[in-house]
Structures are given as C-alpha cells and as structure tokens.
C-alpha cells in the first residue's frame, strides 16, 4: 500500500512540518510519483513510526509536543 503525506501525518500523529524536518535526516526520503509528490510505502511508515517512538522514549517528549 502507498500513502500520501497527509495520510502519514494523520496515522503517525505528527505535523507536516515535523515530517518534512525528519525526512532525509532521521528517516529516508520516500520515492516520488511522476507528479513530484512524495509517495510513502509501508516500510517508510514503519520507519517513521519507529523514529517517533525512539524520540519519545529517549527524550521524554510528550506525544503532544510533536504536533
């Protein structure tokens, strides 16, 4: 299954700005469709969720702070 950015941020519970900040730094950049939009795979989603969990666990972030 493939996801659009708005679907990813809704599932993960972060903002678009947060996700864009993480891309290429903390999680790999997803592939892009012919129209230039990012297209996220199941693996991309898992990596983003894992990074969020790691961030929350290691920095004592409250989940609301990422929104």
N, C-alpha and C. Protein backbone atom coordinates (compact mmCIF):
# COMPACT_ATOMS: atom_id res chain seq x y z
N UNK A 1 0.85 -1.18 0.00
CA UNK A 1 0.00 0.00 0.00
C UNK A 1 0.89 1.24 0.00
N UNK A 2 0.41 2.29 -0.64
CA UNK A 2 1.14 3.55 -0.68
C UNK A 2 0.32 4.63 0.01
N UNK A 3 1.02 5.58 0.60
CA UNK A 3 0.38 6.64 1.36
C UNK A 3 0.84 8.00 0.87
N UNK A 4 -0.04 8.98 0.99
CA UNK A 4 0.30 10.38 0.73
C UNK A 4 0.76 10.99 2.06
N UNK A 5 1.40 12.14 1.97
CA UNK A 5 1.92 12.77 3.18
C UNK A 5 0.81 13.04 4.20
N UNK A 6 -0.33 13.52 3.75
CA UNK A 6 -1.40 13.82 4.70
C UNK A 6 -1.89 12.57 5.42
N UNK A 7 -1.82 11.42 4.77
CA UNK A 7 -2.20 10.17 5.42
C UNK A 7 -1.16 9.76 6.46
N UNK A 8 0.10 9.93 6.12
CA UNK A 8 1.18 9.58 7.05
C UNK A 8 1.09 10.40 8.32
N UNK A 9 0.95 11.71 8.19
CA UNK A 9 0.92 12.56 9.39
C UNK A 9 -0.29 12.25 10.26
N UNK A 10 -1.39 11.88 9.64
CA UNK A 10 -2.58 11.52 10.41
C UNK A 10 -2.36 10.22 11.16
N UNK A 11 -1.81 9.22 10.50
CA UNK A 11 -1.57 7.92 11.12
C UNK A 11 -0.55 8.04 12.25
N UNK A 12 0.54 8.75 12.01
CA UNK A 12 1.64 8.84 12.98
C UNK A 12 1.33 9.84 14.09
N UNK A 13 0.51 10.85 13.79
CA UNK A 13 0.17 11.83 14.81
C UNK A 13 1.19 12.94 14.94
N UNK A 14 1.73 13.39 13.81
CA UNK A 14 2.69 14.50 13.78
C UNK A 14 2.22 15.49 12.73
N UNK A 15 2.87 16.64 12.71
CA UNK A 15 2.51 17.65 11.70
C UNK A 15 3.30 17.44 10.42
N UNK A 16 2.84 18.06 9.35
CA UNK A 16 3.58 18.01 8.08
C UNK A 16 4.96 18.62 8.26
N UNK A 17 5.04 19.70 9.02
CA UNK A 17 6.31 20.37 9.25
C UNK A 17 7.30 19.43 9.95
N UNK A 18 6.83 18.70 10.96
CA UNK A 18 7.68 17.75 11.67
C UNK A 18 8.16 16.66 10.72
N UNK A 19 7.25 16.12 9.93
CA UNK A 19 7.64 15.06 8.99
C UNK A 19 8.67 15.56 7.99
N UNK A 20 8.44 16.73 7.44
CA UNK A 20 9.40 17.28 6.47
C UNK A 20 10.77 17.48 7.11
N UNK A 21 10.78 17.87 8.38
CA UNK A 21 12.03 18.05 9.10
C UNK A 21 12.77 16.72 9.27
N UNK A 22 12.05 15.66 9.51
CA UNK A 22 12.65 14.34 9.72
C UNK A 22 13.16 13.72 8.42
N UNK A 23 12.52 14.00 7.31
CA UNK A 23 12.87 13.37 6.04
C UNK A 23 14.30 13.71 5.62
N UNK A 24 15.05 12.69 5.29
CA UNK A 24 16.42 12.88 4.86
C UNK A 24 17.41 13.04 5.99
N UNK A 25 16.92 13.34 7.18
CA UNK A 25 17.79 13.48 8.35
C UNK A 25 17.69 12.25 9.25
N UNK A 26 16.46 11.92 9.60
CA UNK A 26 16.23 10.85 10.57
C UNK A 26 15.54 9.64 9.95
N UNK A 27 14.84 9.86 8.88
CA UNK A 27 14.19 8.77 8.13
C UNK A 27 14.48 8.99 6.65
N UNK A 28 14.60 7.91 5.89
CA UNK A 28 14.91 8.06 4.46
C UNK A 28 13.82 8.81 3.70
N UNK A 29 14.22 9.52 2.68
CA UNK A 29 13.27 10.19 1.79
C UNK A 29 12.46 9.13 1.06
N UNK A 30 11.15 9.30 0.95
CA UNK A 30 10.35 8.35 0.18
C UNK A 30 10.53 8.58 -1.32
N UNK A 31 10.03 7.65 -2.09
CA UNK A 31 10.05 7.83 -3.54
C UNK A 31 9.08 8.93 -3.91
N UNK A 32 9.23 9.43 -5.12
CA UNK A 32 8.31 10.46 -5.62
C UNK A 32 7.55 9.93 -6.83
N UNK A 33 6.30 10.32 -6.91
CA UNK A 33 5.47 9.95 -8.05
C UNK A 33 5.88 10.82 -9.24
N UNK A 34 5.35 10.51 -10.40
CA UNK A 34 5.68 11.29 -11.60
C UNK A 34 5.32 12.76 -11.46
N UNK A 35 4.32 13.05 -10.63
CA UNK A 35 3.91 14.44 -10.43
C UNK A 35 4.79 15.17 -9.41
N UNK A 36 5.79 14.46 -8.84
CA UNK A 36 6.71 15.07 -7.89
C UNK A 36 6.31 14.93 -6.44
N UNK A 37 5.09 14.44 -6.19
CA UNK A 37 4.64 14.27 -4.81
C UNK A 37 5.31 13.08 -4.17
N UNK A 38 5.55 13.16 -2.87
CA UNK A 38 6.13 12.04 -2.14
C UNK A 38 5.10 10.92 -2.03
N UNK A 39 5.57 9.69 -2.19
CA UNK A 39 4.73 8.50 -2.05
C UNK A 39 5.40 7.60 -1.03
N UNK A 40 4.72 7.35 0.08
CA UNK A 40 5.28 6.59 1.18
C UNK A 40 4.83 5.14 1.12
N UNK A 41 5.75 4.23 1.36
CA UNK A 41 5.45 2.80 1.38
C UNK A 41 5.15 2.36 2.82
N UNK A 42 4.75 1.10 2.96
CA UNK A 42 4.55 0.52 4.30
C UNK A 42 5.85 0.59 5.10
N UNK A 43 6.97 0.31 4.43
CA UNK A 43 8.27 0.36 5.11
C UNK A 43 8.60 1.78 5.56
N UNK A 44 8.30 2.77 4.73
CA UNK A 44 8.51 4.17 5.11
C UNK A 44 7.69 4.49 6.37
N UNK A 45 6.44 4.06 6.38
CA UNK A 45 5.57 4.30 7.53
C UNK A 45 6.15 3.66 8.78
N UNK A 46 6.62 2.42 8.68
CA UNK A 46 7.22 1.75 9.84
C UNK A 46 8.44 2.50 10.35
N UNK A 47 9.28 2.98 9.44
CA UNK A 47 10.48 3.71 9.86
C UNK A 47 10.13 5.04 10.54
N UNK A 48 9.13 5.71 10.04
CA UNK A 48 8.71 6.98 10.65
C UNK A 48 8.13 6.72 12.04
N UNK A 49 7.30 5.70 12.16
CA UNK A 49 6.73 5.37 13.47
C UNK A 49 7.82 4.96 14.45
N UNK A 50 8.79 4.19 13.99
CA UNK A 50 9.89 3.75 14.85
C UNK A 50 10.72 4.95 15.31
N UNK A 51 10.96 5.90 14.42
CA UNK A 51 11.73 7.08 14.81
C UNK A 51 10.96 7.89 15.85
N UNK A 52 9.66 8.04 15.66
CA UNK A 52 8.86 8.79 16.63
C UNK A 52 8.92 8.10 17.99
N UNK A 53 8.77 6.78 18.01
CA UNK A 53 8.83 6.04 19.28
C UNK A 53 10.20 6.21 19.94
N UNK A 54 11.25 6.15 19.15
CA UNK A 54 12.61 6.32 19.68
C UNK A 54 12.78 7.73 20.26
N UNK A 55 12.30 8.73 19.54
CA UNK A 55 12.40 10.10 20.01
C UNK A 55 11.66 10.29 21.32
N UNK A 56 10.46 9.77 21.39
CA UNK A 56 9.66 9.90 22.61
C UNK A 56 10.34 9.18 23.78
N UNK A 57 10.87 7.99 23.52
CA UNK A 57 11.48 7.19 24.58
C UNK A 57 12.80 7.79 25.08
N UNK A 58 13.57 8.37 24.18
CA UNK A 58 14.90 8.84 24.57
C UNK A 58 14.93 10.29 25.05
N UNK A 59 13.91 11.05 24.76
CA UNK A 59 13.93 12.45 25.15
C UNK A 59 12.82 12.81 26.12
N UNK A 60 12.01 11.84 26.49
CA UNK A 60 10.87 12.09 27.38
C UNK A 60 9.90 13.11 26.81
N UNK A 61 9.84 13.20 25.48
CA UNK A 61 8.87 14.07 24.83
C UNK A 61 7.48 13.59 25.16
N UNK A 62 6.60 14.51 25.39
CA UNK A 62 5.19 14.18 25.48
C UNK A 62 4.68 14.09 24.05
N UNK A 63 3.83 13.13 23.77
CA UNK A 63 3.37 12.95 22.39
C UNK A 63 2.76 14.21 21.81
N UNK A 64 2.12 15.03 22.61
CA UNK A 64 1.50 16.27 22.14
C UNK A 64 2.53 17.29 21.69
N UNK A 65 3.77 17.16 22.15
CA UNK A 65 4.81 18.12 21.78
C UNK A 65 5.22 17.97 20.32
N UNK A 66 4.92 16.85 19.71
CA UNK A 66 5.29 16.62 18.32
C UNK A 66 4.26 17.13 17.34
N UNK A 67 3.15 17.62 17.84
CA UNK A 67 2.11 18.14 16.96
C UNK A 67 2.23 19.62 16.80
